[in-house]
């Protein structure tokens, strides 16, 4: 019986030695104690000194994996850099941080307590008979990063369009039209929106949209129907204006922005009287000779509400040319 137990134990030990231990398996339970008799199985010392299988935790890949499945730097290397504490580790940490795009970033451009000088150029879009080219400048002082007060001045260069001339030549009609000479106004500006645009996935262009309200004066001049006979008269009147637009900040500059917008002026204008014409004799058509004088024509002019809408482009320069953040990142 003792010989049989020895043979059975040897077979079981050989089978256990041939099978590999699972990666996360718990250590095998100790064998049940044999009966307290002469049949006890004795294990050699060589078997007891055999090293156990390495746990699966030690055999795992020494690399970190982010949420998106991308492998990062080895954990051991990162731990060594974190424990170093020297200048090289800080520089490497900053470099690693810049490799990631933050979801929430600082506002790229600060304007608070800065002056903004904006030359601009524009063109009118709502008058089919007189086309104006607009050249002007805007001066703003920014109370906060979102609000500013300022002044705007513009000069208008107006000319009759081809439609005006075609109607006169083909239909025999004389149109009553005015052109704008200049305007000046005080404004209040507010930025309700701020955002970012990815440029070819390599740079971020920050932008903001704004609304602007203002009021001031504007001067217009009539275009006489009979330009060879009558002199034009001019009118200075009050005006209100409303504008919407956007500013774009380039990544490499702290004092320049590119602007685009639409501005609309509303004012009460005076038009040339309908009885101002060449037929002032006894067989005339009702035209009044006293209206040949510009002052009399202006006094007898009809008033009408006028609109002037301009699309403009501008470049803003900010002073001081630099700024500092007042809050931590």
Protein backbone atom coordinates (compact mmCIF):
# COMPACT_ATOMS: atom_id res chain seq x y z
CA UNK A 1 0.00 0.00 0.00
CA UNK A 2 2.87 2.38 0.79
CA UNK A 3 4.41 1.74 -2.64
CA UNK A 4 1.06 2.50 -4.33
CA UNK A 5 0.69 5.85 -2.52
CA UNK A 6 4.23 6.87 -3.50
CA UNK A 7 3.60 6.12 -7.17
CA UNK A 8 0.28 8.04 -7.14
CA UNK A 9 1.84 11.08 -5.45
CA UNK A 10 4.70 11.14 -7.95
CA UNK A 11 2.27 11.12 -10.89
CA UNK A 12 0.21 13.99 -9.42
CA UNK A 13 3.30 16.09 -8.75
CA UNK A 14 4.54 15.58 -12.31
CA UNK A 15 1.19 16.66 -13.77
CA UNK A 16 1.07 19.76 -11.55
CA UNK A 17 4.61 20.70 -12.55
CA UNK A 18 3.81 20.41 -16.30
CA UNK A 19 0.72 22.66 -16.18
CA UNK A 20 1.51 26.47 -16.24
CA UNK A 21 0.11 28.54 -13.43
CA UNK A 22 -2.67 31.01 -14.58
CA UNK A 23 -1.75 34.71 -14.60
CA UNK A 24 -4.19 35.80 -11.92
CA UNK A 25 -4.80 32.46 -10.20
CA UNK A 26 -4.65 32.39 -6.47
CA UNK A 27 -1.95 30.18 -4.95
CA UNK A 28 -2.91 26.51 -4.92
CA UNK A 29 -4.30 25.35 -1.61
CA UNK A 30 -2.07 23.25 0.50
CA UNK A 31 -2.70 19.55 0.09
CA UNK A 32 -4.83 17.93 2.71
CA UNK A 33 -2.74 16.40 5.43
CA UNK A 34 -2.22 12.74 5.01
CA UNK A 35 -3.39 10.36 7.67
CA UNK A 36 -1.13 10.19 10.61
CA UNK A 37 0.49 6.91 9.70
CA UNK A 38 3.52 5.58 7.95
CA UNK A 39 2.08 6.45 4.45
CA UNK A 40 3.03 10.21 4.64
CA UNK A 41 4.38 11.60 1.31
CA UNK A 42 7.75 13.36 1.60
CA UNK A 43 8.57 16.25 -0.82
CA UNK A 44 12.20 16.92 -1.77
CA UNK A 45 13.89 20.17 -0.85
CA UNK A 46 14.52 20.94 -4.54
CA UNK A 47 10.79 21.25 -5.13
CA UNK A 48 10.32 23.66 -2.25
CA UNK A 49 13.03 26.02 -3.53
CA UNK A 50 11.41 26.37 -6.93
CA UNK A 51 10.36 30.04 -7.54
CA UNK A 52 6.63 30.56 -7.97
CA UNK A 53 5.21 31.89 -11.22
CA UNK A 54 5.45 35.66 -11.63
CA UNK A 55 2.09 37.34 -10.97
CA UNK A 56 0.27 38.79 -13.94
CA UNK A 57 0.48 42.28 -12.46
CA UNK A 58 4.26 42.26 -12.86
CA UNK A 59 4.07 41.10 -16.48
CA UNK A 60 1.72 43.83 -17.66
CA UNK A 61 2.98 46.28 -20.26
CA UNK A 62 4.76 49.20 -18.60
CA UNK A 63 2.93 51.85 -20.63
CA UNK A 64 0.04 54.16 -19.87
CA UNK A 65 -3.07 54.16 -22.03
CA UNK A 66 -5.31 57.22 -22.24
CA UNK A 67 -9.05 57.37 -22.59
CA UNK A 68 -8.86 57.25 -26.38
CA UNK A 69 -6.74 54.10 -26.54
CA UNK A 70 -3.50 55.87 -27.42
CA UNK A 71 -0.38 54.70 -25.68
CA UNK A 72 1.56 57.31 -23.83
CA UNK A 73 4.98 57.27 -22.27
CA UNK A 74 6.02 54.37 -20.01
CA UNK A 75 4.82 54.65 -16.48
CA UNK A 76 8.26 54.00 -15.08
CA UNK A 77 9.75 56.81 -17.17
CA UNK A 78 7.05 59.23 -16.09
CA UNK A 79 7.55 58.27 -12.46
CA UNK A 80 11.28 58.85 -12.70
CA UNK A 81 10.71 62.31 -14.24
CA UNK A 82 8.16 63.20 -11.62
CA UNK A 83 10.51 62.21 -8.80
CA UNK A 84 13.46 64.07 -10.31
CA UNK A 85 12.13 67.52 -9.42
CA UNK A 86 14.82 69.31 -11.45
CA UNK A 87 14.61 71.91 -14.19
CA UNK A 88 14.64 69.24 -16.86
CA UNK A 89 11.59 67.51 -15.43
CA UNK A 90 9.65 70.82 -15.23
CA UNK A 91 10.56 71.68 -18.81
CA UNK A 92 9.50 68.24 -19.95
CA UNK A 93 6.23 68.56 -18.04
CA UNK A 94 5.49 71.90 -19.75
CA UNK A 95 6.28 70.35 -23.10
CA UNK A 96 3.94 67.45 -22.40
CA UNK A 97 1.16 69.84 -21.33
CA UNK A 98 1.45 71.84 -24.56
CA UNK A 99 0.97 68.66 -26.56
CA UNK A 100 -2.66 68.55 -25.43
CA UNK A 101 -5.42 71.02 -26.42
CA UNK A 102 -7.33 72.35 -23.43
CA UNK A 103 -11.08 72.42 -23.77
CA UNK A 104 -11.38 75.61 -21.71
CA UNK A 105 -8.77 78.20 -22.61
CA UNK A 106 -8.00 81.76 -21.72
CA UNK A 107 -9.41 84.57 -23.78
CA UNK A 108 -6.76 85.18 -26.41
CA UNK A 109 -7.03 88.98 -26.58
CA UNK A 110 -7.67 91.41 -23.71
CA UNK A 111 -8.84 94.96 -24.44
CA UNK A 112 -9.73 96.38 -21.03
CA UNK A 113 -8.33 99.92 -20.49
CA UNK A 114 -6.87 100.01 -23.99
CA UNK A 115 -7.48 102.41 -26.90
CA UNK A 116 -8.57 101.15 -30.28
CA UNK A 117 -7.95 103.09 -33.51
CA UNK A 118 -9.69 101.56 -36.52
CA UNK A 119 -9.31 102.89 -40.09
CA UNK A 120 -12.08 101.44 -42.26
CA UNK A 121 -13.34 101.33 -45.83
CA UNK A 122 -16.89 100.58 -46.98
CA UNK A 123 -19.47 100.68 -49.73
CA UNK A 124 -23.22 101.34 -49.66
CA UNK A 125 -25.57 98.55 -50.70
CA UNK A 126 -29.14 99.86 -50.40
CA UNK A 127 -29.33 102.75 -52.91
CA UNK A 128 -29.72 101.63 -56.56
CA UNK A 129 -29.24 105.15 -57.97
CA UNK A 130 -26.30 106.55 -55.96
CA UNK A 131 -23.28 104.50 -54.99
CA UNK A 132 -21.16 105.69 -52.05
CA UNK A 133 -17.61 104.72 -51.17
CA UNK A 134 -16.89 105.33 -47.51
CA UNK A 135 -13.55 106.11 -45.90
CA UNK A 136 -13.33 106.79 -42.18
CA UNK A 137 -11.92 105.95 -38.78
CA UNK A 138 -13.25 104.84 -35.42
CA UNK A 139 -11.75 105.58 -32.03
CA UNK A 140 -12.78 103.47 -29.01
CA UNK A 141 -11.83 103.21 -25.36
CA UNK A 142 -12.54 99.81 -23.81
CA UNK A 143 -14.14 100.00 -20.38
CA UNK A 144 -14.05 96.20 -20.09
CA UNK A 145 -13.23 93.36 -22.47
CA UNK A 146 -16.83 93.52 -23.68
CA UNK A 147 -17.85 97.20 -23.58
CA UNK A 148 -16.40 100.28 -25.22
CA UNK A 149 -17.33 103.89 -25.94
CA UNK A 150 -15.99 105.84 -28.88
CA UNK A 151 -16.29 108.22 -31.81
CA UNK A 152 -16.73 107.51 -35.52
CA UNK A 153 -16.17 109.78 -38.49
CA UNK A 154 -16.71 108.95 -42.17
CA UNK A 155 -16.43 110.69 -45.53
CA UNK A 156 -18.71 109.59 -48.39
CA UNK A 157 -17.80 109.75 -52.07
CA UNK A 158 -21.09 109.46 -54.00
CA UNK A 159 -21.69 108.99 -57.70
CA UNK A 160 -24.74 108.27 -59.83
CA UNK A 161 -25.04 104.66 -60.94
CA UNK A 162 -25.63 103.39 -64.46
CA UNK A 163 -29.23 102.62 -63.54
CA UNK A 164 -29.84 106.29 -62.75
CA UNK A 165 -28.50 107.30 -66.18
CA UNK A 166 -30.36 104.54 -68.05
CA UNK A 167 -33.74 105.50 -66.59
CA UNK A 168 -33.17 109.10 -67.56
CA UNK A 169 -32.12 108.23 -71.13
CA UNK A 170 -34.57 105.40 -71.86
CA UNK A 171 -37.67 106.44 -69.93
CA UNK A 172 -37.30 110.21 -70.02
CA UNK A 173 -37.76 110.40 -66.23
CA UNK A 174 -35.88 112.71 -63.91
CA UNK A 175 -35.11 111.12 -60.58
CA UNK A 176 -34.93 112.92 -57.26
CA UNK A 177 -31.86 111.67 -55.40
CA UNK A 178 -29.43 112.80 -52.71
CA UNK A 179 -25.89 111.85 -51.86
CA UNK A 180 -24.23 111.77 -48.45
CA UNK A 181 -21.13 113.86 -47.78
CA UNK A 182 -19.98 112.99 -44.25
CA UNK A 183 -21.12 111.85 -40.83
CA UNK A 184 -19.86 111.95 -37.23
CA UNK A 185 -21.26 110.08 -34.25
CA UNK A 186 -20.64 108.88 -30.71
CA UNK A 187 -21.07 105.16 -30.13
CA UNK A 188 -21.47 102.48 -27.50
CA UNK A 189 -20.21 98.97 -28.34
CA UNK A 190 -20.92 95.64 -26.65
CA UNK A 191 -19.54 92.14 -27.40
CA UNK A 192 -22.12 89.45 -26.55
CA UNK A 193 -20.30 86.56 -28.24
CA UNK A 194 -16.75 85.21 -28.16
CA UNK A 195 -15.41 82.08 -29.85
CA UNK A 196 -12.58 80.25 -31.59
CA UNK A 197 -12.03 78.95 -35.12
CA UNK A 198 -9.59 76.16 -35.95
CA UNK A 199 -7.44 77.11 -38.96
CA UNK A 200 -6.42 73.89 -40.77
CA UNK A 201 -6.20 72.19 -37.36
CA UNK A 202 -2.92 73.98 -36.70
CA UNK A 203 -3.89 77.28 -35.07
CA UNK A 204 -6.81 78.85 -33.25
CA UNK A 205 -8.20 82.17 -34.46
CA UNK A 206 -10.22 83.92 -31.77
CA UNK A 207 -13.17 86.05 -32.79
CA UNK A 208 -15.98 88.05 -31.23
CA UNK A 209 -19.27 89.46 -32.49
CA UNK A 210 -20.51 92.88 -31.40
CA UNK A 211 -23.42 95.28 -31.65
CA UNK A 212 -23.03 99.04 -31.68
CA UNK A 213 -25.44 101.92 -31.13
CA UNK A 214 -24.69 105.55 -31.86
CA UNK A 215 -25.97 108.96 -32.81
CA UNK A 216 -24.66 112.21 -34.24
CA UNK A 217 -24.92 114.40 -37.33
CA UNK A 218 -24.83 113.76 -41.06
CA UNK A 219 -24.68 116.04 -44.11
CA UNK A 220 -26.32 115.35 -47.46
CA UNK A 221 -26.52 117.12 -50.81
CA UNK A 222 -29.26 116.98 -53.43
CA UNK A 223 -28.50 115.97 -57.00
CA UNK A 224 -30.47 118.54 -59.09
CA UNK A 225 -32.66 117.14 -61.80
CA UNK A 226 -31.46 119.94 -64.08
CA UNK A 227 -27.84 120.17 -63.10
CA UNK A 228 -27.06 122.71 -65.85
CA UNK A 229 -29.65 125.16 -64.45
CA UNK A 230 -29.76 124.67 -60.70
CA UNK A 231 -27.24 124.57 -57.93
CA UNK A 232 -27.50 121.88 -55.26
CA UNK A 233 -28.22 122.64 -51.63
CA UNK A 234 -26.93 120.82 -48.58
CA UNK A 235 -28.59 119.70 -45.37
CA UNK A 236 -27.07 118.93 -41.96
CA UNK A 237 -29.37 116.84 -39.82
CA UNK A 238 -29.29 114.48 -36.88
CA UNK A 239 -28.86 110.76 -37.35
CA UNK A 240 -28.88 107.51 -35.44
CA UNK A 241 -26.92 104.43 -36.43
CA UNK A 242 -26.85 100.75 -35.63
CA UNK A 243 -24.06 98.30 -36.49
CA UNK A 244 -23.31 94.59 -36.15
CA UNK A 245 -19.92 93.10 -36.86
CA UNK A 246 -17.11 90.76 -35.93
CA UNK A 247 -13.46 91.07 -34.94
CA UNK A 248 -10.82 88.45 -35.70
CA UNK A 249 -7.58 88.20 -33.71
CA UNK A 250 -4.55 86.61 -35.34
CA UNK A 251 -2.53 84.23 -33.13
CA UNK A 252 0.81 86.01 -33.45
CA UNK A 253 -0.25 89.56 -32.54
CA UNK A 254 -1.41 91.22 -29.32
CA UNK A 255 -2.42 94.60 -30.77
CA UNK A 256 -4.07 94.02 -34.19
CA UNK A 257 -7.50 92.76 -35.20
CA UNK A 258 -9.35 92.55 -38.51
CA UNK A 259 -12.96 93.74 -38.54
CA UNK A 260 -15.99 93.37 -40.75
CA UNK A 261 -19.47 94.74 -40.20
CA UNK A 262 -22.65 96.35 -41.47
CA UNK A 263 -23.72 99.82 -40.34
CA UNK A 264 -27.03 101.52 -41.03
CA UNK A 265 -27.73 105.26 -40.65
CA UNK A 266 -31.25 106.59 -40.22
CA UNK A 267 -31.96 110.30 -40.65
CA UNK A 268 -34.56 112.80 -41.88
CA UNK A 269 -33.41 114.18 -45.24
CA UNK A 270 -34.64 117.00 -47.49
CA UNK A 271 -35.42 116.36 -51.15
CA UNK A 272 -35.46 118.74 -54.08
CA UNK A 273 -38.93 120.34 -54.57
CA UNK A 274 -41.00 118.93 -57.40
CA UNK A 275 -41.75 122.41 -58.84
CA UNK A 276 -38.09 123.27 -59.29
CA UNK A 277 -37.68 123.09 -63.07
CA UNK A 278 -36.91 125.05 -66.27
CA UNK A 279 -40.51 125.92 -67.23
CA UNK A 280 -40.96 129.22 -65.39
CA UNK A 281 -42.49 131.35 -68.19
CA UNK A 282 -46.15 132.20 -68.82
CA UNK A 283 -46.72 128.89 -70.57
CA UNK A 284 -44.81 126.89 -68.02
CA UNK A 285 -45.77 123.64 -66.37
CA UNK A 286 -46.15 125.01 -62.88
CA UNK A 287 -42.47 125.39 -62.11
CA UNK A 288 -41.60 128.25 -59.76
CA UNK A 289 -38.82 130.62 -60.72
CA UNK A 290 -38.01 131.52 -57.10
CA UNK A 291 -36.94 127.91 -56.53
CA UNK A 292 -33.93 128.50 -58.74
CA UNK A 293 -32.28 129.94 -55.66
CA UNK A 294 -30.80 127.10 -53.50
CA UNK A 295 -31.90 128.73 -50.22
CA UNK A 296 -35.53 129.01 -51.40
CA UNK A 297 -35.45 125.47 -52.74
CA UNK A 298 -34.15 124.20 -49.41
CA UNK A 299 -36.89 126.04 -47.52
CA UNK A 300 -39.56 124.49 -49.76
CA UNK A 301 -38.01 121.02 -49.74
CA UNK A 302 -39.95 117.96 -48.75
CA UNK A 303 -38.71 115.90 -45.82
CA UNK A 304 -38.39 112.12 -45.99
CA UNK A 305 -36.91 109.39 -43.81
CA UNK A 306 -33.71 108.06 -45.39
CA UNK A 307 -31.54 105.01 -44.78
CA UNK A 308 -27.92 104.47 -45.69
CA UNK A 309 -26.50 100.97 -45.25
CA UNK A 310 -22.76 100.34 -45.55
CA UNK A 311 -20.68 97.15 -45.49
CA UNK A 312 -17.26 98.05 -44.12
CA UNK A 313 -13.88 96.46 -43.52
CA UNK A 314 -11.32 97.73 -41.03
CA UNK A 315 -8.13 97.06 -39.13
CA UNK A 316 -7.87 97.95 -35.45
CA UNK A 317 -4.66 98.89 -33.65
CA UNK A 318 -4.67 98.70 -29.84
CA UNK A 319 -2.61 100.82 -27.46
CA UNK A 320 -0.80 99.92 -25.27
CA UNK A 321 0.37 97.17 -27.60
CA UNK A 322 0.59 94.57 -24.83
CA UNK A 323 -1.55 93.31 -21.96
CA UNK A 324 -1.25 91.14 -18.86
CA UNK A 325 -3.61 88.55 -17.44
CA UNK A 326 -4.91 89.37 -14.00
CA UNK A 327 -6.18 85.87 -13.14
CA UNK A 328 -4.35 82.58 -12.93
CA UNK A 329 -4.59 80.06 -15.73
